[in-house]
Amino acid sequence: MERVKSILERRLEVVRRRKEAVLREEARLARMARQKKDVAILLAKIKKEKLAIMVEEAKVLRVLKQSTLSS
Protein backbone atom coordinates (compact mmCIF):
# COMPACT_ATOMS: atom_id res chain seq x y z
CA MET A 1 0.00 0.00 0.00
CA GLU A 2 2.85 2.34 0.84
CA ARG A 3 4.40 1.74 -2.59
CA VAL A 4 1.16 2.73 -4.34
CA LYS A 5 1.00 5.87 -2.24
CA SER A 6 4.58 6.73 -3.21
CA ILE A 7 3.82 6.23 -6.90
CA LEU A 8 0.72 8.42 -6.61
CA GLU A 9 2.67 11.14 -4.82
CA ARG A 10 5.30 11.12 -7.59
CA ARG A 11 2.56 11.24 -10.21
CA LEU A 12 1.00 14.19 -8.41
CA GLU A 13 4.34 16.01 -8.43
CA VAL A 14 4.69 15.42 -12.18
CA VAL A 15 1.16 16.69 -12.80
CA ARG A 16 1.82 19.80 -10.72
CA ARG A 17 5.02 20.53 -12.68
CA ARG A 18 3.13 20.14 -15.96
CA LYS A 19 0.42 22.46 -14.68
CA GLU A 20 3.00 25.06 -13.70
CA ALA A 21 4.59 24.89 -17.17
CA VAL A 22 1.21 25.20 -18.88
CA LEU A 23 0.29 28.20 -16.73
CA ARG A 24 3.55 29.91 -17.72
CA GLU A 25 2.90 29.17 -21.39
CA GLU A 26 -0.65 30.49 -21.08
CA ALA A 27 0.64 33.72 -19.54
CA ARG A 28 3.20 34.11 -22.33
CA LEU A 29 0.54 33.61 -25.01
CA ALA A 30 -1.83 36.01 -23.25
CA ARG A 31 0.88 38.68 -23.33
CA MET A 32 1.44 38.00 -27.02
CA ALA A 33 -2.29 38.28 -27.66
CA ARG A 34 -2.32 41.69 -26.01
CA GLN A 35 0.42 42.73 -28.44
CA LYS A 36 -1.95 41.86 -31.29
CA LYS A 37 -0.09 38.75 -32.36
CA ASP A 38 -2.06 35.88 -33.88
CA VAL A 39 -1.98 33.33 -31.04
CA ALA A 40 -5.67 32.71 -30.44
CA ILE A 41 -5.53 29.08 -31.64
CA LEU A 42 -2.48 28.31 -29.49
CA LEU A 43 -4.08 29.98 -26.49
CA ALA A 44 -7.23 27.89 -26.90
CA LYS A 45 -5.15 24.70 -27.06
CA ILE A 46 -3.22 25.67 -23.94
CA LYS A 47 -6.44 26.40 -22.05
CA LYS A 48 -7.82 22.97 -22.98
CA GLU A 49 -4.58 21.33 -21.87
CA LYS A 50 -4.70 23.27 -18.60
CA LEU A 51 -8.20 22.01 -17.88
CA ALA A 52 -7.18 18.42 -18.66
CA ILE A 53 -4.21 18.70 -16.30
CA MET A 54 -6.38 20.14 -13.54
CA VAL A 55 -8.82 17.22 -13.94
CA GLU A 56 -5.93 14.76 -13.77
CA GLU A 57 -4.57 16.49 -10.66
CA ALA A 58 -7.97 16.26 -9.00
CA LYS A 59 -8.20 12.54 -9.79
CA VAL A 60 -4.77 11.82 -8.33
CA LEU A 61 -5.56 13.87 -5.21
CA ARG A 62 -8.85 12.04 -4.77
CA VAL A 63 -7.16 8.63 -5.02
CA LEU A 64 -4.45 9.73 -2.58
CA LYS A 65 -7.02 10.91 -0.06
CA GLN A 66 -8.99 7.69 -0.40
CA SER A 67 -5.87 5.59 0.10
CA THR A 68 -4.98 7.66 3.17
CA LEU A 69 -8.44 7.19 4.67
CA SER A 70 -8.51 3.45 4.03
CA SER A 71 -5.12 2.77 5.62
PDB file of N, CA and C in Angstrom:
ATOM      1  N   MET A   1       0.828  -1.197   0.000  1.00  0.00           N
ATOM      2  CA  MET A   1       0.000   0.000   0.000  1.00  0.00           C
ATOM      3  C   MET A   1       0.869   1.256   0.000  1.00  0.00           C
ATOM      4  N   GLU A   2       1.952   1.180   0.749  1.00  0.00           N
ATOM      5  CA  GLU A   2       2.849   2.335   0.838  1.00  0.00           C
ATOM      6  C   GLU A   2       3.492   2.630  -0.517  1.00  0.00           C
ATOM      7  N   ARG A   3       3.781   1.571  -1.277  1.00  0.00           N
ATOM      8  CA  ARG A   3       4.397   1.740  -2.590  1.00  0.00           C
ATOM      9  C   ARG A   3       3.438   2.451  -3.553  1.00  0.00           C
ATOM     10  N   VAL A   4       2.173   2.089  -3.500  1.00  0.00           N
ATOM     11  CA  VAL A   4       1.160   2.726  -4.343  1.00  0.00           C
ATOM     12  C   VAL A   4       1.051   4.198  -3.995  1.00  0.00           C
ATOM     13  N   LYS A   5       1.084   4.490  -2.714  1.00  0.00           N
ATOM     14  CA  LYS A   5       1.001   5.874  -2.244  1.00  0.00           C
ATOM     15  C   LYS A   5       2.197   6.677  -2.770  1.00  0.00           C
ATOM     16  N   SER A   6       3.382   6.068  -2.727  1.00  0.00           N
ATOM     17  CA  SER A   6       4.584   6.729  -3.207  1.00  0.00           C
ATOM     18  C   SER A   6       4.486   7.017  -4.702  1.00  0.00           C
ATOM     19  N   ILE A   7       3.980   6.048  -5.455  1.00  0.00           N
ATOM     20  CA  ILE A   7       3.818   6.230  -6.900  1.00  0.00           C
ATOM     21  C   ILE A   7       2.820   7.351  -7.174  1.00  0.00           C
ATOM     22  N   LEU A   8       1.726   7.369  -6.424  1.00  0.00           N
ATOM     23  CA  LEU A   8       0.718   8.416  -6.611  1.00  0.00           C
ATOM     24  C   LEU A   8       1.280   9.791  -6.259  1.00  0.00           C
ATOM     25  N   GLU A   9       2.074   9.855  -5.207  1.00  0.00           N
ATOM     26  CA  GLU A   9       2.666  11.138  -4.825  1.00  0.00           C
ATOM     27  C   GLU A   9       3.631  11.637  -5.901  1.00  0.00           C
ATOM     28  N   ARG A  10       4.405  10.719  -6.487  1.00  0.00           N
ATOM     29  CA  ARG A  10       5.300  11.118  -7.586  1.00  0.00           C
ATOM     30  C   ARG A  10       4.495  11.572  -8.789  1.00  0.00           C
ATOM     31  N   ARG A  11       3.414  10.860  -9.087  1.00  0.00           N
ATOM     32  CA  ARG A  11       2.557  11.241 -10.211  1.00  0.00           C
ATOM     33  C   ARG A  11       1.958  12.622  -9.974  1.00  0.00           C
ATOM     34  N   LEU A  12       1.547  12.891  -8.752  1.00  0.00           N
ATOM     35  CA  LEU A  12       0.996  14.194  -8.412  1.00  0.00           C
ATOM     36  C   LEU A  12       2.037  15.287  -8.623  1.00  0.00           C
ATOM     37  N   GLU A  13       3.265  15.024  -8.242  1.00  0.00           N
ATOM     38  CA  GLU A  13       4.341  16.009  -8.429  1.00  0.00           C
ATOM     39  C   GLU A  13       4.563  16.292  -9.915  1.00  0.00           C
ATOM     40  N   VAL A  14       4.532  15.244 -10.733  1.00  0.00           N
ATOM     41  CA  VAL A  14       4.690  15.421 -12.184  1.00  0.00           C
ATOM     42  C   VAL A  14       3.547  16.257 -12.749  1.00  0.00           C
ATOM     43  N   VAL A  15       2.341  15.955 -12.319  1.00  0.00           N
ATOM     44  CA  VAL A  15       1.163  16.694 -12.801  1.00  0.00           C
ATOM     45  C   VAL A  15       1.263  18.150 -12.389  1.00  0.00           C
ATOM     46  N   ARG A  16       1.692  18.408 -11.187  1.00  0.00           N
ATOM     47  CA  ARG A  16       1.823  19.796 -10.723  1.00  0.00           C
ATOM     48  C   ARG A  16       2.886  20.555 -11.511  1.00  0.00           C
ATOM     49  N   ARG A  17       3.990  19.886 -11.853  1.00  0.00           N
ATOM     50  CA  ARG A  17       5.023  20.534 -12.676  1.00  0.00           C
ATOM     51  C   ARG A  17       4.489  20.851 -14.066  1.00  0.00           C
ATOM     52  N   ARG A  18       3.737  19.898 -14.637  1.00  0.00           N
ATOM     53  CA  ARG A  18       3.135  20.143 -15.958  1.00  0.00           C
ATOM     54  C   ARG A  18       2.169  21.313 -15.903  1.00  0.00           C
ATOM     55  N   LYS A  19       1.378  21.375 -14.830  1.00  0.00           N
ATOM     56  CA  LYS A  19       0.416  22.462 -14.678  1.00  0.00           C
ATOM     57  C   LYS A  19       1.138  23.797 -14.593  1.00  0.00           C
ATOM     58  N   GLU A  20       2.223  23.832 -13.844  1.00  0.00           N
ATOM     59  CA  GLU A  20       3.002  25.058 -13.704  1.00  0.00           C
ATOM     60  C   GLU A  20       3.554  25.510 -15.062  1.00  0.00           C
ATOM     61  N   ALA A  21       4.057  24.566 -15.853  1.00  0.00           N
ATOM     62  CA  ALA A  21       4.590  24.890 -17.171  1.00  0.00           C
ATOM     63  C   ALA A  21       3.489  25.401 -18.102  1.00  0.00           C
ATOM     64  N   VAL A  22       2.329  24.773 -18.038  1.00  0.00           N
ATOM     65  CA  VAL A  22       1.209  25.196 -18.884  1.00  0.00           C
ATOM     66  C   VAL A  22       0.730  26.586 -18.478  1.00  0.00           C
ATOM     67  N   LEU A  23       0.701  26.866 -17.184  1.00  0.00           N
ATOM     68  CA  LEU A  23       0.287  28.196 -16.732  1.00  0.00           C
ATOM     69  C   LEU A  23       1.254  29.265 -17.228  1.00  0.00           C
ATOM     70  N   ARG A  24       2.559  28.951 -17.199  1.00  0.00           N
ATOM     71  CA  ARG A  24       3.546  29.909 -17.715  1.00  0.00           C
ATOM     72  C   ARG A  24       3.359  30.133 -19.207  1.00  0.00           C
ATOM     73  N   GLU A  25       3.112  29.056 -19.948  1.00  0.00           N
ATOM     74  CA  GLU A  25       2.900  29.169 -21.389  1.00  0.00           C
ATOM     75  C   GLU A  25       1.638  29.968 -21.689  1.00  0.00           C
ATOM     76  N   GLU A  26       0.599  29.740 -20.897  1.00  0.00           N
ATOM     77  CA  GLU A  26      -0.648  30.491 -21.082  1.00  0.00           C
ATOM     78  C   GLU A  26      -0.420  31.979 -20.844  1.00  0.00           C
ATOM     79  N   ALA A  27       0.341  32.308 -19.821  1.00  0.00           N
ATOM     80  CA  ALA A  27       0.638  33.720 -19.536  1.00  0.00           C
ATOM     81  C   ALA A  27       1.433  34.345 -20.678  1.00  0.00           C
ATOM     82  N   ARG A  28       2.393  33.602 -21.208  1.00  0.00           N
ATOM     83  CA  ARG A  28       3.203  34.108 -22.328  1.00  0.00           C
ATOM     84  C   ARG A  28       2.323  34.373 -23.544  1.00  0.00           C
ATOM     85  N   LEU A  29       1.423  33.435 -23.858  1.00  0.00           N
ATOM     86  CA  LEU A  29       0.540  33.609 -25.006  1.00  0.00           C
ATOM     87  C   LEU A  29      -0.461  34.741 -24.784  1.00  0.00           C
ATOM     88  N   ALA A  30      -0.905  34.913 -23.544  1.00  0.00           N
ATOM     89  CA  ALA A  30      -1.826  36.012 -23.246  1.00  0.00           C
ATOM     90  C   ALA A  30      -1.139  37.356 -23.477  1.00  0.00           C
ATOM     91  N   ARG A  31       0.132  37.438 -23.078  1.00  0.00           N
ATOM     92  CA  ARG A  31       0.885  38.682 -23.331  1.00  0.00           C
ATOM     93  C   ARG A  31       1.037  38.926 -24.824  1.00  0.00           C
ATOM     94  N   MET A  32       1.313  37.866 -25.566  1.00  0.00           N
ATOM     95  CA  MET A  32       1.439  38.004 -27.019  1.00  0.00           C
ATOM     96  C   MET A  32       0.115  38.430 -27.645  1.00  0.00           C
ATOM     97  N   ALA A  33      -0.970  37.917 -27.133  1.00  0.00           N
ATOM     98  CA  ALA A  33      -2.291  38.275 -27.656  1.00  0.00           C
ATOM     99  C   ALA A  33      -2.572  39.758 -27.425  1.00  0.00           C
ATOM    100  N   ARG A  34      -2.126  40.269 -26.285  1.00  0.00           N
ATOM    101  CA  ARG A  34      -2.319  41.692 -26.010  1.00  0.00           C
ATOM    102  C   ARG A  34      -1.491  42.557 -26.958  1.00  0.00           C
ATOM    103  N   GLN A  35      -0.419  41.993 -27.488  1.00  0.00           N
ATOM    104  CA  GLN A  35       0.423  42.726 -28.443  1.00  0.00           C
ATOM    105  C   GLN A  35      -0.081  42.555 -29.877  1.00  0.00           C
ATOM    106  N   LYS A  36      -1.283  42.036 -30.000  1.00  0.00           N
ATOM    107  CA  LYS A  36      -1.951  41.865 -31.293  1.00  0.00           C
ATOM    108  C   LYS A  36      -1.290  40.827 -32.189  1.00  0.00           C
ATOM    109  N   LYS A  37      -0.669  39.839 -31.574  1.00  0.00           N
ATOM    110  CA  LYS A  37      -0.091  38.754 -32.362  1.00  0.00           C
ATOM    111  C   LYS A  37      -1.152  37.668 -32.519  1.00  0.00           C
ATOM    112  N   ASP A  38      -1.058  36.896 -33.573  1.00  0.00           N
ATOM    113  CA  ASP A  38      -2.059  35.878 -33.878  1.00  0.00           C
ATOM    114  C   ASP A  38      -1.751  34.590 -33.113  1.00  0.00           C
ATOM    115  N   VAL A  39      -2.241  34.499 -31.891  1.00  0.00           N
ATOM    116  CA  VAL A  39      -1.980  33.334 -31.044  1.00  0.00           C
ATOM    117  C   VAL A  39      -3.262  32.742 -30.468  1.00  0.00           C
ATOM    118  N   ALA A  40      -4.388  33.139 -31.010  1.00  0.00           N
ATOM    119  CA  ALA A  40      -5.671  32.707 -30.445  1.00  0.00           C
ATOM    120  C   ALA A  40      -5.822  31.180 -30.463  1.00  0.00           C
ATOM    121  N   ILE A  41      -5.387  30.538 -31.535  1.00  0.00           N
ATOM    122  CA  ILE A  41      -5.527  29.077 -31.638  1.00  0.00           C
ATOM    123  C   ILE A  41      -4.634  28.397 -30.605  1.00  0.00           C
ATOM    124  N   LEU A  42      -3.393  28.873 -30.488  1.00  0.00           N
ATOM    125  CA  LEU A  42      -2.481  28.306 -29.490  1.00  0.00           C
ATOM    126  C   LEU A  42      -3.005  28.512 -28.085  1.00  0.00           C
ATOM    127  N   LEU A  43      -3.540  29.681 -27.823  1.00  0.00           N
ATOM    128  CA  LEU A  43      -4.077  29.983 -26.494  1.00  0.00           C
ATOM    129  C   LEU A  43      -5.249  29.065 -26.164  1.00  0.00           C
ATOM    130  N   ALA A  44      -6.100  28.799 -27.129  1.00  0.00           N
ATOM    131  CA  ALA A  44      -7.231  27.894 -26.904  1.00  0.00           C
ATOM    132  C   ALA A  44      -6.741  26.481 -26.593  1.00  0.00           C
ATOM    133  N   LYS A  45      -5.706  26.033 -27.315  1.00  0.00           N
ATOM    134  CA  LYS A  45      -5.155  24.697 -27.059  1.00  0.00           C
ATOM    135  C   LYS A  45      -4.551  24.609 -25.662  1.00  0.00           C
ATOM    136  N   ILE A  46      -3.844  25.652 -25.265  1.00  0.00           N
ATOM    137  CA  ILE A  46      -3.218  25.672 -23.941  1.00  0.00           C
ATOM    138  C   ILE A  46      -4.281  25.654 -22.852  1.00  0.00           C
ATOM    139  N   LYS A  47      -5.369  26.386 -23.052  1.00  0.00           N
ATOM    140  CA  LYS A  47      -6.438  26.400 -22.053  1.00  0.00           C
ATOM    141  C   LYS A  47      -7.080  25.025 -21.907  1.00  0.00           C
ATOM    142  N   LYS A  48      -7.262  24.324 -23.036  1.00  0.00           N
ATOM    143  CA  LYS A  48      -7.815  22.968 -22.977  1.00  0.00           C
ATOM    144  C   LYS A  48      -6.862  22.035 -22.241  1.00  0.00           C
ATOM    145  N   GLU A  49      -5.572  22.166 -22.534  1.00  0.00           N
ATOM    146  CA  GLU A  49      -4.582  21.329 -21.869  1.00  0.00           C
ATOM    147  C   GLU A  49      -4.550  21.618 -20.371  1.00  0.00           C
ATOM    148  N   LYS A  50      -4.689  22.897 -20.012  1.00  0.00           N
ATOM    149  CA  LYS A  50      -4.699  23.271 -18.598  1.00  0.00           C
ATOM    150  C   LYS A  50      -5.875  22.618 -17.880  1.00  0.00           C
ATOM    151  N   LEU A  51      -7.026  22.639 -18.494  1.00  0.00           N
ATOM    152  CA  LEU A  51      -8.202  22.009 -17.885  1.00  0.00           C
ATOM    153  C   LEU A  51      -8.005  20.502 -17.729  1.00  0.00           C
ATOM    154  N   ALA A  52      -7.418  19.868 -18.737  1.00  0.00           N
ATOM    155  CA  ALA A  52      -7.176  18.421 -18.660  1.00  0.00           C
ATOM    156  C   ALA A  52      -6.207  18.097 -17.528  1.00  0.00           C
ATOM    157  N   ILE A  53      -5.187  18.918 -17.371  1.00  0.00           N
ATOM    158  CA  ILE A  53      -4.213  18.700 -16.303  1.00  0.00           C
ATOM    159  C   ILE A  53      -4.861  18.898 -14.938  1.00  0.00           C
ATOM    160  N   MET A  54      -5.711  19.903 -14.819  1.00  0.00           N
ATOM    161  CA  MET A  54      -6.379  20.143 -13.541  1.00  0.00           C
ATOM    162  C   MET A  54      -7.301  18.972 -13.179  1.00  0.00           C
ATOM    163  N   VAL A  55      -7.965  18.395 -14.172  1.00  0.00           N
ATOM    164  CA  VAL A  55      -8.819  17.225 -13.935  1.00  0.00           C
ATOM    165  C   VAL A  55      -7.960  16.049 -13.474  1.00  0.00           C
ATOM    166  N   GLU A  56      -6.820  15.857 -14.144  1.00  0.00           N
ATOM    167  CA  GLU A  56      -5.928  14.764 -13.765  1.00  0.00           C
ATOM    168  C   GLU A  56      -5.396  14.953 -12.345  1.00  0.00           C
ATOM    169  N   GLU A  57      -5.053  16.193 -12.011  1.00  0.00           N
ATOM    170  CA  GLU A  57      -4.571  16.485 -10.656  1.00  0.00           C
ATOM    171  C   GLU A  57      -5.649  16.164  -9.622  1.00  0.00           C
ATOM    172  N   ALA A  58      -6.873  16.538  -9.919  1.00  0.00           N
ATOM    173  CA  ALA A  58      -7.974  16.260  -9.000  1.00  0.00           C
ATOM    174  C   ALA A  58      -8.179  14.756  -8.807  1.00  0.00           C
ATOM    175  N   LYS A  59      -8.049  13.993  -9.884  1.00  0.00           N
ATOM    176  CA  LYS A  59      -8.198  12.540  -9.786  1.00  0.00           C
ATOM    177  C   LYS A  59      -7.121  11.934  -8.896  1.00  0.00           C
ATOM    178  N   VAL A  60      -5.873  12.359  -9.116  1.00  0.00           N
ATOM    179  CA  VAL A  60      -4.771  11.819  -8.326  1.00  0.00           C
ATOM    180  C   VAL A  60      -4.946  12.200  -6.859  1.00  0.00           C
ATOM    181  N   LEU A  61      -5.330  13.439  -6.598  1.00  0.00           N
ATOM    182  CA  LEU A  61      -5.560  13.869  -5.212  1.00  0.00           C
ATOM    183  C   LEU A  61      -6.669  13.051  -4.554  1.00  0.00           C
ATOM    184  N   ARG A  62      -7.732  12.812  -5.304  1.00  0.00           N
ATOM    185  CA  ARG A  62      -8.855  12.037  -4.771  1.00  0.00           C
ATOM    186  C   ARG A  62      -8.408  10.628  -4.402  1.00  0.00           C
ATOM    187  N   VAL A  63      -7.643   9.983  -5.279  1.00  0.00           N
ATOM    188  CA  VAL A  63      -7.156   8.631  -5.015  1.00  0.00           C
ATOM    189  C   VAL A  63      -6.218   8.634  -3.813  1.00  0.00           C
ATOM    190  N   LEU A  64      -5.359   9.637  -3.726  1.00  0.00           N
ATOM    191  CA  LEU A  64      -4.446   9.734  -2.580  1.00  0.00           C
ATOM    192  C   LEU A  64      -5.214   9.876  -1.276  1.00  0.00           C
ATOM    193  N   LYS A  65      -6.228  10.719  -1.271  1.00  0.00           N
ATOM    194  CA  LYS A  65      -7.021  10.910  -0.061  1.00  0.00           C
ATOM    195  C   LYS A  65      -7.759   9.640   0.325  1.00  0.00           C
ATOM    196  N   GLN A  66      -8.289   8.939  -0.679  1.00  0.00           N
ATOM    197  CA  GLN A  66      -8.992   7.686  -0.396  1.00  0.00           C
ATOM    198  C   GLN A  66      -8.035   6.637   0.145  1.00  0.00           C
ATOM    199  N   SER A  67      -6.828   6.579  -0.393  1.00  0.00           N
ATOM    200  CA  SER A  67      -5.870   5.588   0.099  1.00  0.00           C
ATOM    201  C   SER A  67      -5.408   5.946   1.513  1.00  0.00           C
ATOM    202  N   THR A  68      -5.356   7.225   1.832  1.00  0.00           N
ATOM    203  CA  THR A  68      -4.983   7.656   3.171  1.00  0.00           C
ATOM    204  C   THR A  68      -6.078   7.296   4.174  1.00  0.00           C
ATOM    205  N   LEU A  69      -7.326   7.482   3.767  1.00  0.00           N
ATOM    206  CA  LEU A  69      -8.438   7.189   4.666  1.00  0.00           C
ATOM    207  C   LEU A  69      -8.597   5.691   4.906  1.00  0.00           C
ATOM    208  N   SER A  70      -8.307   4.886   3.891  1.00  0.00           N
ATOM    209  CA  SER A  70      -8.506   3.447   4.029  1.00  0.00           C
ATOM    210  C   SER A  70      -7.370   2.761   4.802  1.00  0.00           C
ATOM    211  N   SER A  71      -6.229   3.427   4.906  1.00  0.00           N
ATOM    212  CA  SER A  71      -5.119   2.769   5.620  1.00  0.00           C
ATOM    213  C   SER A  71      -5.049   3.156   7.066  1.00  0.00           C
TER     214      SER A  71
END
